[in-house]
C-alpha atoms as a PDB file:
ATOM      1  CA  MET A   1    -122.611  58.639  39.116  1.00  0.00           C
ATOM      2  CA  ALA A   2    -124.390  55.582  38.431  1.00  0.00           C
ATOM      3  CA  ALA A   3    -124.113  53.063  41.372  1.00  0.00           C
ATOM      4  CA  GLY A   4    -123.713  50.229  38.977  1.00  0.00           C
ATOM      5  CA  LEU A   5    -125.960  47.687  38.053  1.00  0.00           C
ATOM      6  CA  ALA A   6    -128.613  46.494  41.114  1.00  0.00           C
ATOM      7  CA  TRP A   7    -128.788  42.440  41.264  1.00  0.00           C
ATOM      8  CA  GLU A   8    -132.830  42.695  41.688  1.00  0.00           C
ATOM      9  CA  ARG A   9    -133.128  44.636  38.664  1.00  0.00           C
ATOM     10  CA  ASP A  10    -130.724  43.491  36.368  1.00  0.00           C
ATOM     11  CA  ALA A  11    -129.763  39.861  37.202  1.00  0.00           C
ATOM     12  CA  ALA A  12    -132.643  38.261  35.656  1.00  0.00           C
ATOM     13  CA  GLY A  13    -130.868  35.443  33.235  1.00  0.00           C
ATOM     14  CA  TRP A  14    -127.512  36.266  34.689  1.00  0.00           C
ATOM     15  CA  PRO A  15    -125.063  33.223  33.669  1.00  0.00           C
ATOM     16  CA  ASN A  16    -124.528  30.726  36.471  1.00  0.00           C
ATOM     17  CA  ARG A  17    -126.857  33.027  38.718  1.00  0.00           C
ATOM     18  CA  GLY A  18    -127.549  30.112  41.211  1.00  0.00           C
ATOM     19  CA  ALA A  19    -123.398  30.173  41.943  1.00  0.00           C
ATOM     20  CA  SER A  20    -123.926  34.193  42.954  1.00  0.00           C
ATOM     21  CA  ARG A  21    -123.038  35.561  46.473  1.00  0.00           C
ATOM     22  CA  PHE A  22    -122.415  38.727  47.590  1.00  0.00           C
ATOM     23  CA  VAL A  23    -119.204  38.930  50.289  1.00  0.00           C
ATOM     24  CA  GLU A  24    -118.207  42.049  52.018  1.00  0.00           C
ATOM     25  CA  ALA A  25    -113.836  42.215  52.223  1.00  0.00           C
ATOM     26  CA  ALA A  26    -111.796  44.862  51.853  1.00  0.00           C
ATOM     27  CA  GLY A  27    -114.127  47.423  52.701  1.00  0.00           C
ATOM     28  CA  LEU A  28    -116.010  46.280  49.382  1.00  0.00           C
ATOM     29  CA  ARG A  29    -119.560  44.356  48.532  1.00  0.00           C
ATOM     30  CA  TRP A  30    -118.009  41.822  46.134  1.00  0.00           C
ATOM     31  CA  HIS A  31    -120.369  39.783  43.888  1.00  0.00           C
ATOM     32  CA  VAL A  32    -118.490  36.145  43.158  1.00  0.00           C
ATOM     33  CA  GLN A  33    -119.698  33.037  42.080  1.00  0.00           C
ATOM     34  CA  VAL A  34    -118.267  29.625  43.118  1.00  0.00           C
ATOM     35  CA  TYR A  35    -119.559  26.427  42.061  1.00  0.00           C
ATOM     36  CA  GLY A  36    -117.658  22.976  41.009  1.00  0.00           C
ATOM     37  CA  THR A  37    -116.220  20.393  43.269  1.00  0.00           C
ATOM     38  CA  GLY A  38    -112.739  19.752  43.405  1.00  0.00           C
ATOM     39  CA  PRO A  39    -109.601  22.048  44.885  1.00  0.00           C
ATOM     40  CA  PRO A  40    -110.327  25.735  44.200  1.00  0.00           C
ATOM     41  CA  ALA A  41    -109.257  27.489  41.180  1.00  0.00           C
ATOM     42  CA  LEU A  42    -109.454  31.429  40.861  1.00  0.00           C
ATOM     43  CA  LEU A  43    -110.518  32.825  37.699  1.00  0.00           C
ATOM     44  CA  LEU A  44    -110.160  36.829  36.948  1.00  0.00           C
ATOM     45  CA  HIS A  45    -111.701  38.409  34.149  1.00  0.00           C
ATOM     46  CA  GLY A  46    -110.516  41.215  32.258  1.00  0.00           C
ATOM     47  CA  SER A  47    -111.092  45.183  32.231  1.00  0.00           C
ATOM     48  CA  ALA A  48    -114.652  45.915  31.203  1.00  0.00           C
ATOM     49  CA  ALA A  49    -115.845  41.965  31.306  1.00  0.00           C
ATOM     50  CA  SER A  50    -117.515  40.455  34.500  1.00  0.00           C
ATOM     51  CA  CYS A  51    -117.590  36.928  35.933  1.00  0.00           C
ATOM     52  CA  HIS A  52    -120.085  36.142  32.939  1.00  0.00           C
ATOM     53  CA  SER A  53    -117.135  35.866  30.477  1.00  0.00           C
ATOM     54  CA  TRP A  54    -116.472  32.435  32.342  1.00  0.00           C
ATOM     55  CA  ARG A  55    -120.220  31.437  31.809  1.00  0.00           C
ATOM     56  CA  ALA A  56    -119.321  28.345  29.841  1.00  0.00           C
ATOM     57  CA  PHE A  57    -115.578  28.004  30.389  1.00  0.00           C
ATOM     58  CA  GLY A  58    -115.962  28.184  34.032  1.00  0.00           C
ATOM     59  CA  PRO A  59    -118.339  25.210  33.978  1.00  0.00           C
ATOM     60  CA  GLU A  60    -116.011  23.159  32.117  1.00  0.00           C
ATOM     61  CA  LEU A  61    -113.600  23.902  34.693  1.00  0.00           C
ATOM     62  CA  ALA A  62    -115.754  22.979  37.502  1.00  0.00           C
ATOM     63  CA  GLN A  63    -115.363  19.032  36.661  1.00  0.00           C
ATOM     64  CA  ARG A  64    -112.622  19.018  38.376  1.00  0.00           C
ATOM     65  CA  TYR A  65    -112.108  22.336  40.291  1.00  0.00           C
ATOM     66  CA  THR A  66    -114.362  24.685  42.787  1.00  0.00           C
ATOM     67  CA  VAL A  67    -114.131  27.660  40.770  1.00  0.00           C
ATOM     68  CA  ILE A  68    -114.218  31.129  42.423  1.00  0.00           C
ATOM     69  CA  ALA A  69    -114.944  33.692  39.958  1.00  0.00           C
ATOM     70  CA  PRO A  70    -115.720  37.217  41.355  1.00  0.00           C
ATOM     71  CA  ASP A  71    -116.498  40.306  39.158  1.00  0.00           C
ATOM     72  CA  LEU A  72    -113.632  42.708  39.912  1.00  0.00           C
ATOM     73  CA  PRO A  73    -114.029  46.214  41.784  1.00  0.00           C
ATOM     74  CA  GLY A  74    -116.944  48.281  40.009  1.00  0.00           C
ATOM     75  CA  HIS A  75    -117.532  45.778  37.255  1.00  0.00           C
ATOM     76  CA  GLY A  76    -120.627  43.580  36.729  1.00  0.00           C
ATOM     77  CA  PHE A  77    -122.461  43.447  40.352  1.00  0.00           C
ATOM     78  CA  SER A  78    -119.333  44.401  42.479  1.00  0.00           C
ATOM     79  CA  ALA A  79    -119.602  47.602  44.187  1.00  0.00           C
ATOM     80  CA  PRO A  80    -117.317  50.707  43.086  1.00  0.00           C
ATOM     81  CA  ALA A  81    -113.540  50.586  43.984  1.00  0.00           C
ATOM     82  CA  THR A  82    -112.373  52.167  47.189  1.00  0.00           C
ATOM     83  CA  ARG A  83    -109.490  54.447  46.729  1.00  0.00           C
ATOM     84  CA  ARG A  84    -106.881  51.505  48.180  1.00  0.00           C
ATOM     85  CA  LEU A  85    -108.455  49.247  45.361  1.00  0.00           C
ATOM     86  CA  GLN A  86    -107.598  51.287  42.413  1.00  0.00           C
ATOM     87  CA  ASP A  87    -104.418  50.344  41.208  1.00  0.00           C
ATOM     88  CA  LEU A  88    -103.010  47.134  40.375  1.00  0.00           C
ATOM     89  CA  ASP A  89    -101.260  46.348  43.873  1.00  0.00           C
ATOM     90  CA  GLY A  90    -104.322  47.699  45.441  1.00  0.00           C
ATOM     91  CA  VAL A  91    -106.853  45.459  43.365  1.00  0.00           C
ATOM     92  CA  ALA A  92    -104.427  42.448  43.786  1.00  0.00           C
ATOM     93  CA  ALA A  93    -104.474  42.591  47.567  1.00  0.00           C
ATOM     94  CA  GLY A  94    -108.646  43.485  47.629  1.00  0.00           C
ATOM     95  CA  VAL A  95    -108.850  39.937  45.926  1.00  0.00           C
ATOM     96  CA  GLY A  96    -106.389  38.289  48.320  1.00  0.00           C
ATOM     97  CA  GLU A  97    -108.695  39.508  51.233  1.00  0.00           C
ATOM     98  CA  LEU A  98    -111.774  38.554  49.338  1.00  0.00           C
ATOM     99  CA  LEU A  99    -110.195  35.019  49.267  1.00  0.00           C
ATOM    100  CA  ALA A 100    -109.378  35.143  52.992  1.00  0.00           C
ATOM    101  CA  VAL A 101    -112.956  35.878  53.785  1.00  0.00           C
ATOM    102  CA  LEU A 102    -114.011  32.768  51.739  1.00  0.00           C
ATOM    103  CA  GLY A 103    -111.983  30.732  53.439  1.00  0.00           C
ATOM    104  CA  MET A 104    -110.068  29.311  50.110  1.00  0.00           C
ATOM    105  CA  SER A 105    -106.769  29.352  48.714  1.00  0.00           C
ATOM    106  CA  PRO A 106    -106.562  28.448  45.406  1.00  0.00           C
ATOM    107  CA  GLN A 107    -104.069  25.418  43.822  1.00  0.00           C
ATOM    108  CA  VAL A 108    -104.662  26.770  40.557  1.00  0.00           C
ATOM    109  CA  ALA A 109    -105.633  30.668  38.834  1.00  0.00           C
ATOM    110  CA  VAL A 110    -106.598  31.490  35.279  1.00  0.00           C
ATOM    111  CA  GLY A 111    -106.562  35.288  34.140  1.00  0.00           C
ATOM    112  CA  HIS A 112    -107.761  37.300  31.048  1.00  0.00           C
ATOM    113  CA  SER A 113    -106.232  40.132  29.926  1.00  0.00           C
ATOM    114  CA  VAL A 114    -105.463  42.351  32.899  1.00  0.00           C
ATOM    115  CA  GLY A 115    -106.844  39.808  34.843  1.00  0.00           C
ATOM    116  CA  ALA A 116    -103.774  37.570  34.416  1.00  0.00           C
ATOM    117  CA  ALA A 117    -101.523  40.660  35.416  1.00  0.00           C
ATOM    118  CA  ILE A 118    -103.667  41.282  38.547  1.00  0.00           C
ATOM    119  CA  LEU A 119    -103.018  37.300  39.490  1.00  0.00           C
ATOM    120  CA  VAL A 120     -99.252  37.635  38.802  1.00  0.00           C
ATOM    121  CA  ARG A 121     -98.921  40.551  41.045  1.00  0.00           C
ATOM    122  CA  MET A 122    -100.926  38.602  43.921  1.00  0.00           C
ATOM    123  CA  ALA A 123     -98.677  35.868  43.575  1.00  0.00           C
ATOM    124  CA  LEU A 124     -95.944  38.037  44.014  1.00  0.00           C
ATOM    125  CA  ASP A 125     -96.714  39.672  46.735  1.00  0.00           C
ATOM    126  CA  ARG A 126     -97.809  36.167  48.624  1.00  0.00           C
ATOM    127  CA  HIS A 127    -101.458  36.819  48.131  1.00  0.00           C
ATOM    128  CA  ILE A 128    -101.888  33.760  46.661  1.00  0.00           C
ATOM    129  CA  ALA A 129     -99.715  30.651  46.493  1.00  0.00           C
ATOM    130  CA  PRO A 130    -100.992  28.095  43.543  1.00  0.00           C
ATOM    131  CA  GLU A 131     -99.396  25.476  41.903  1.00  0.00           C
ATOM    132  CA  ALA A 132     -99.787  26.838  38.338  1.00  0.00           C
ATOM    133  CA  LEU A 133    -100.826  30.145  36.943  1.00  0.00           C
ATOM    134  CA  ALA A 134    -102.559  30.447  33.235  1.00  0.00           C
ATOM    135  CA  SER A 135    -102.801  33.668  30.900  1.00  0.00           C
ATOM    136  CA  LEU A 136    -105.076  34.014  28.568  1.00  0.00           C
ATOM    137  CA  ASN A 137    -103.981  36.650  26.201  1.00  0.00           C
ATOM    138  CA  GLY A 138    -102.615  38.586  29.212  1.00  0.00           C
ATOM    139  CA  ALA A 139    -102.381  42.131  29.291  1.00  0.00           C
ATOM    140  CA  PHE A 140     -98.660  42.354  31.071  1.00  0.00           C
ATOM    141  CA  LEU A 141     -96.943  45.535  28.918  1.00  0.00           C
ATOM    142  CA  PRO A 142     -97.785  48.741  29.768  1.00  0.00           C
ATOM    143  CA  PHE A 143     -98.461  51.240  26.278  1.00  0.00           C
ATOM    144  CA  SER A 144     -95.290  51.846  24.513  1.00  0.00           C
ATOM    145  CA  GLY A 145     -94.275  55.294  22.920  1.00  0.00           C
ATOM    146  CA  LEU A 146     -96.559  58.373  22.985  1.00  0.00           C
ATOM    147  CA  ALA A 147     -99.512  55.837  23.358  1.00  0.00           C
ATOM    148  CA  GLY A 148     -97.910  55.181  26.690  1.00  0.00           C
ATOM    149  CA  GLN A 149     -97.807  58.679  27.730  1.00  0.00           C
ATOM    150  CA  LEU A 150    -100.977  59.949  26.755  1.00  0.00           C
ATOM    151  CA  PHE A 151    -103.324  56.894  27.514  1.00  0.00           C
ATOM    152  CA  PRO A 152    -103.319  56.837  31.136  1.00  0.00           C
ATOM    153  CA  THR A 153    -103.886  60.536  31.588  1.00  0.00           C
ATOM    154  CA  THR A 154    -106.631  60.403  28.796  1.00  0.00           C
ATOM    155  CA  ALA A 155    -108.190  57.845  30.491  1.00  0.00           C
ATOM    156  CA  ARG A 156    -108.276  59.472  33.894  1.00  0.00           C
ATOM    157  CA  LEU A 157    -109.815  62.701  32.611  1.00  0.00           C
ATOM    158  CA  LEU A 158    -112.539  60.489  31.031  1.00  0.00           C
ATOM    159  CA  THR A 159    -113.129  58.843  34.016  1.00  0.00           C
ATOM    160  CA  TYR A 160    -113.127  62.154  36.199  1.00  0.00           C
ATOM    161  CA  ASN A 161    -115.851  63.415  33.630  1.00  0.00           C
ATOM    162  CA  PRO A 162    -118.977  62.567  35.114  1.00  0.00           C
ATOM    163  CA  LEU A 163    -120.431  62.542  31.505  1.00  0.00           C
ATOM    164  CA  VAL A 164    -117.991  60.448  29.788  1.00  0.00           C
ATOM    165  CA  PRO A 165    -119.132  57.285  30.931  1.00  0.00           C
ATOM    166  CA  PHE A 166    -123.074  58.327  30.293  1.00  0.00           C
ATOM    167  CA  TRP A 167    -122.135  59.351  27.018  1.00  0.00           C
ATOM    168  CA  LEU A 168    -120.273  55.879  25.969  1.00  0.00           C
ATOM    169  CA  ALA A 169    -123.014  53.942  28.043  1.00  0.00           C
ATOM    170  CA  PHE A 170    -125.508  55.955  25.509  1.00  0.00           C
ATOM    171  CA  ARG A 171    -123.451  54.761  22.480  1.00  0.00           C
ATOM    172  CA  ALA A 172    -123.557  51.127  23.655  1.00  0.00           C
ATOM    173  CA  ARG A 173    -127.118  51.115  23.321  1.00  0.00           C
ATOM    174  CA  ASN A 174    -126.802  51.165  19.805  1.00  0.00           C
ATOM    175  CA  ARG A 175    -126.142  47.011  18.739  1.00  0.00           C
ATOM    176  CA  ALA A 176    -124.115  47.841  15.812  1.00  0.00           C
ATOM    177  CA  PHE A 177    -121.438  50.003  17.613  1.00  0.00           C
ATOM    178  CA  LEU A 178    -121.103  47.599  20.316  1.00  0.00           C
ATOM    179  CA  ALA A 179    -120.796  44.811  17.673  1.00  0.00           C
ATOM    180  CA  GLU A 180    -118.063  46.588  16.277  1.00  0.00           C
ATOM    181  CA  VAL A 181    -116.136  47.441  19.561  1.00  0.00           C
ATOM    182  CA  LEU A 182    -115.995  43.539  20.221  1.00  0.00           C
ATOM    183  CA  ALA A 183    -114.921  42.339  16.370  1.00  0.00           C
ATOM    184  CA  ARG A 184    -111.719  44.555  16.931  1.00  0.00           C
ATOM    185  CA  THR A 185    -110.773  42.329  19.550  1.00  0.00           C
ATOM    186  CA  GLY A 186    -110.480  39.714  16.832  1.00  0.00           C
ATOM    187  CA  SER A 187    -113.498  37.340  18.143  1.00  0.00           C
ATOM    188  CA  ARG A 188    -116.452  36.249  17.444  1.00  0.00           C
ATOM    189  CA  ILE A 189    -118.892  35.595  20.064  1.00  0.00           C
ATOM    190  CA  ASP A 190    -122.755  34.448  20.218  1.00  0.00           C
ATOM    191  CA  ARG A 191    -125.419  36.388  20.615  1.00  0.00           C
ATOM    192  CA  GLN A 192    -125.969  35.632  24.279  1.00  0.00           C
ATOM    193  CA  GLY A 193    -122.106  37.166  24.973  1.00  0.00           C
ATOM    194  CA  VAL A 194    -123.185  40.266  22.894  1.00  0.00           C
ATOM    195  CA  ASP A 195    -126.113  40.925  24.688  1.00  0.00           C
ATOM    196  CA  LEU A 196    -124.387  40.335  28.255  1.00  0.00           C
ATOM    197  CA  TYR A 197    -121.685  43.007  26.909  1.00  0.00           C
ATOM    198  CA  GLN A 198    -124.201  45.168  25.750  1.00  0.00           C
ATOM    199  CA  ARG A 199    -126.112  45.172  29.575  1.00  0.00           C
ATOM    200  CA  LEU A 200    -122.904  46.170  31.366  1.00  0.00           C
ATOM    201  CA  ALA A 201    -121.548  48.711  28.818  1.00  0.00           C
ATOM    202  CA  THR A 202    -124.722  50.483  29.049  1.00  0.00           C
ATOM    203  CA  ASP A 203    -124.379  50.949  32.656  1.00  0.00           C
ATOM    204  CA  PRO A 204    -122.011  54.165  33.236  1.00  0.00           C
ATOM    205  CA  GLY A 205    -121.196  52.820  36.847  1.00  0.00           C
ATOM    206  CA  HIS A 206    -119.513  49.650  35.108  1.00  0.00           C
ATOM    207  CA  VAL A 207    -118.129  51.955  32.271  1.00  0.00           C
ATOM    208  CA  ALA A 208    -116.612  54.174  34.440  1.00  0.00           C
ATOM    209  CA  ALA A 209    -114.853  51.248  36.770  1.00  0.00           C
ATOM    210  CA  ALA A 210    -113.152  49.946  33.271  1.00  0.00           C
ATOM    211  CA  LEU A 211    -111.990  53.226  32.338  1.00  0.00           C
ATOM    212  CA  GLY A 212    -110.511  53.450  35.827  1.00  0.00           C
ATOM    213  CA  MET A 213    -109.148  50.459  35.621  1.00  0.00           C
ATOM    214  CA  MET A 214    -107.306  50.924  32.600  1.00  0.00           C
ATOM    215  CA  ALA A 215    -105.996  54.121  33.849  1.00  0.00           C
ATOM    216  CA  ARG A 216    -104.807  53.058  37.182  1.00  0.00           C
ATOM    217  CA  THR A 217    -103.148  49.562  36.570  1.00  0.00           C
ATOM    218  CA  HIS A 218    -101.258  51.162  33.636  1.00  0.00           C
ATOM    219  CA  ASP A 219     -98.153  52.524  35.873  1.00  0.00           C
ATOM    220  CA  GLY A 220     -98.005  49.230  37.937  1.00  0.00           C
ATOM    221  CA  LEU A 221     -97.399  46.996  34.954  1.00  0.00           C
ATOM    222  CA  HIS A 222     -93.847  48.486  34.820  1.00  0.00           C
ATOM    223  CA  THR A 223     -93.389  47.571  37.810  1.00  0.00           C
ATOM    224  CA  LEU A 224     -94.823  43.879  37.426  1.00  0.00           C
ATOM    225  CA  MET A 225     -92.595  43.542  34.346  1.00  0.00           C
ATOM    226  CA  ALA A 226     -89.473  44.665  36.443  1.00  0.00           C
ATOM    227  CA  ASP A 227     -90.924  42.017  39.111  1.00  0.00           C
ATOM    228  CA  LEU A 228     -91.651  39.080  36.902  1.00  0.00           C
ATOM    229  CA  PRO A 229     -88.340  37.162  37.104  1.00  0.00           C
ATOM    230  CA  ASP A 230     -89.231  36.960  41.215  1.00  0.00           C
ATOM    231  CA  LEU A 231     -92.670  34.852  40.044  1.00  0.00           C
ATOM    232  CA  SER A 232     -91.673  31.438  41.561  1.00  0.00           C
ATOM    233  CA  VAL A 233     -95.282  30.138  40.327  1.00  0.00           C
ATOM    234  CA  PRO A 234     -95.157  28.045  36.875  1.00  0.00           C
ATOM    235  CA  LEU A 235     -96.771  30.604  34.451  1.00  0.00           C
ATOM    236  CA  VAL A 236     -98.462  29.373  31.273  1.00  0.00           C
ATOM    237  CA  LEU A 237     -99.125  31.816  28.489  1.00  0.00           C
ATOM    238  CA  LEU A 238    -102.141  30.940  26.106  1.00  0.00           C
ATOM    239  CA  ALA A 239    -101.779  33.529  23.589  1.00  0.00           C
ATOM    240  CA  ALA A 240    -104.555  33.596  20.678  1.00  0.00           C
ATOM    241  CA  GLU A 241    -103.040  33.778  17.095  1.00  0.00           C
ATOM    242  CA  GLY A 242    -106.137  36.181  15.867  1.00  0.00           C
ATOM    243  CA  ASP A 243    -106.003  38.568  19.016  1.00  0.00           C
ATOM    244  CA  ARG A 244    -106.114  42.401  17.879  1.00  0.00           C
ATOM    245  CA  THR A 245    -106.160  43.866  21.704  1.00  0.00           C
ATOM    246  CA  VAL A 246    -103.396  41.936  23.223  1.00  0.00           C
ATOM    247  CA  PRO A 247    -101.278  40.804  20.269  1.00  0.00           C
ATOM    248  CA  PRO A 248     -99.457  37.284  20.325  1.00  0.00           C
ATOM    249  CA  ALA A 249     -95.907  39.517  20.434  1.00  0.00           C
ATOM    250  CA  GLN A 250     -96.348  40.100  23.595  1.00  0.00           C
ATOM    251  CA  ALA A 251     -96.778  36.839  25.191  1.00  0.00           C
ATOM    252  CA  GLU A 252     -93.351  36.348  23.804  1.00  0.00           C
ATOM    253  CA  ARG A 253     -91.887  39.452  25.423  1.00  0.00           C
ATOM    254  CA  VAL A 254     -93.062  38.215  28.916  1.00  0.00           C
ATOM    255  CA  ARG A 255     -91.476  34.759  27.813  1.00  0.00           C
ATOM    256  CA  LEU A 256     -88.296  36.497  26.938  1.00  0.00           C
ATOM    257  CA  ARG A 257     -88.563  38.407  30.257  1.00  0.00           C
ATOM    258  CA  LEU A 258     -89.470  35.240  32.405  1.00  0.00           C
ATOM    259  CA  PRO A 259     -88.099  31.879  30.595  1.00  0.00           C
ATOM    260  CA  SER A 260     -88.950  29.934  32.732  1.00  0.00           C
ATOM    261  CA  ALA A 261     -92.855  30.412  31.535  1.00  0.00           C
ATOM    262  CA  ARG A 262     -94.403  28.002  28.576  1.00  0.00           C
ATOM    263  CA  LEU A 263     -96.054  29.972  25.601  1.00  0.00           C
ATOM    264  CA  GLU A 264     -98.832  28.270  23.599  1.00  0.00           C
ATOM    265  CA  SER A 265    -100.344  29.114  20.876  1.00  0.00           C
ATOM    266  CA  LEU A 266    -104.526  29.124  20.447  1.00  0.00           C
ATOM    267  CA  PRO A 267    -104.928  29.305  16.540  1.00  0.00           C
ATOM    268  CA  GLY A 268    -108.149  30.633  15.039  1.00  0.00           C
ATOM    269  CA  LEU A 269    -109.274  32.850  18.142  1.00  0.00           C
ATOM    270  CA  GLY A 270    -109.191  36.288  19.208  1.00  0.00           C
ATOM    271  CA  HIS A 271    -109.276  38.110  22.229  1.00  0.00           C
ATOM    272  CA  LEU A 272    -112.043  36.751  23.864  1.00  0.00           C
ATOM    273  CA  ALA A 273    -110.952  33.100  23.172  1.00  0.00           C
ATOM    274  CA  HIS A 274    -112.491  31.377  26.081  1.00  0.00           C
ATOM    275  CA  GLU A 275    -115.929  32.651  24.895  1.00  0.00           C
ATOM    276  CA  GLU A 276    -115.181  31.742  21.593  1.00  0.00           C
ATOM    277  CA  ASP A 277    -114.607  28.288  22.143  1.00  0.00           C
ATOM    278  CA  PRO A 278    -115.097  27.382  25.609  1.00  0.00           C
ATOM    279  CA  ALA A 279    -114.603  23.936  25.614  1.00  0.00           C
ATOM    280  CA  GLY A 280    -111.725  23.582  23.735  1.00  0.00           C
ATOM    281  CA  VAL A 281    -109.719  26.467  25.588  1.00  0.00           C
ATOM    282  CA  ALA A 282    -110.760  24.714  28.881  1.00  0.00           C
ATOM    283  CA  ARG A 283    -109.010  21.732  27.838  1.00  0.00           C
ATOM    284  CA  ARG A 284    -106.160  23.376  26.776  1.00  0.00           C
ATOM    285  CA  VAL A 285    -105.876  25.434  29.839  1.00  0.00           C
ATOM    286  CA  LEU A 286    -106.600  21.685  32.016  1.00  0.00           C
ATOM    287  CA  ALA A 287    -103.472  20.423  30.035  1.00  0.00           C
ATOM    288  CA  ALA A 288    -101.363  23.363  30.636  1.00  0.00           C
ATOM    289  CA  LEU A 289    -101.811  23.361  34.141  1.00  0.00           C
ATOM    290  CA  ASP A 290    -101.275  19.470  34.305  1.00  0.00           C
ATOM    291  CA  ALA A 291     -98.003  20.159  32.745  1.00  0.00           C
ATOM    292  CA  ALA A 292     -97.272  23.306  34.827  1.00  0.00           C
ATOM    293  CA  ALA A 293     -97.924  21.520  38.116  1.00  0.00           C
ATOM    294  CA  PRO A 294     -97.321  17.592  37.367  1.00  0.00           C
ATOM    295  CA  LYS A 295     -97.333  16.355  40.840  1.00  0.00           C
ATOM    296  CA  ARG A 296    -101.357  16.981  40.514  1.00  0.00           C
ATOM    297  CA  ARG A 297    -104.269  16.866  38.130  1.00  0.00           C
ATOM    298  CA  GLY A 298    -107.165  18.165  39.217  1.00  0.00           C
ATOM    299  CA  GLY A 299    -106.491  17.492  42.854  1.00  0.00           C
ATOM    300  CA  ALA A 300    -105.659  13.880  42.580  1.00  0.00           C
ATOM    301  CA  ALA A 301    -101.772  12.743  42.721  1.00  0.00           C
ATOM    302  CA  VAL A 302    -100.124  11.790  39.291  1.00  0.00           C
ATOM    303  CA  ARG A 303     -98.957   7.706  39.610  1.00  0.00           C
END
């Protein structure tokens, strides 16, 4: 299996690359971007993405916060996950160790898709203690019915077959194929965004990591939903009305499980809402975080 993207070879033109650094933590070499001013804000991307997903959204938050945006294990330029970092609990603990090495404790945190689930797991396990969490189209629910029985096993088989990631990476060289995959999220992103996803999707190591994360975090979502009522950190659920990957109805189910959570709709956007309209979604997220933790606004006390 390919080791993944190589910084020296593949990082030309990577968004916000001046903020990139490589950090050893939890037995892994992480790629993480740190930029901005103010209290720390942790941003976690979803499966199959990387910190590039925050390329325009992150700088909006960086006007008030110091953004910490890592590539999750095996994604982007981070090294492949070790065995203990392969499930939801393990990834959560690993990101916690990364923060400890950085010496940063996030005041707020924002997660997209499964990145939101990882953040909630981190908060439940006391790896972070932010004032508020924001979920962008959070993927908290395991697949149900027959899909729930078949998907994790199928994804594991695809991951363990060394030819499958190479085949999928080869397919991603076809621009029309990749554009169709992205369109199925309900989002329309710009040309640069498609180019960056193609760079990721044509790397077999990244594809294998994405498949592995989908397979190995699935079981942990059952436990996460069971533990959700114990979450003490304010949670805001922002759900895009056009999301075809994580339907907005899932956010309502999460809110019913955690009545203290606040649910807000993002009209006219899909699963990659923060890439479609980074400035507009950033404003919504900042307002939601302010409302969820009213004692502070971007680090300054509210009078």
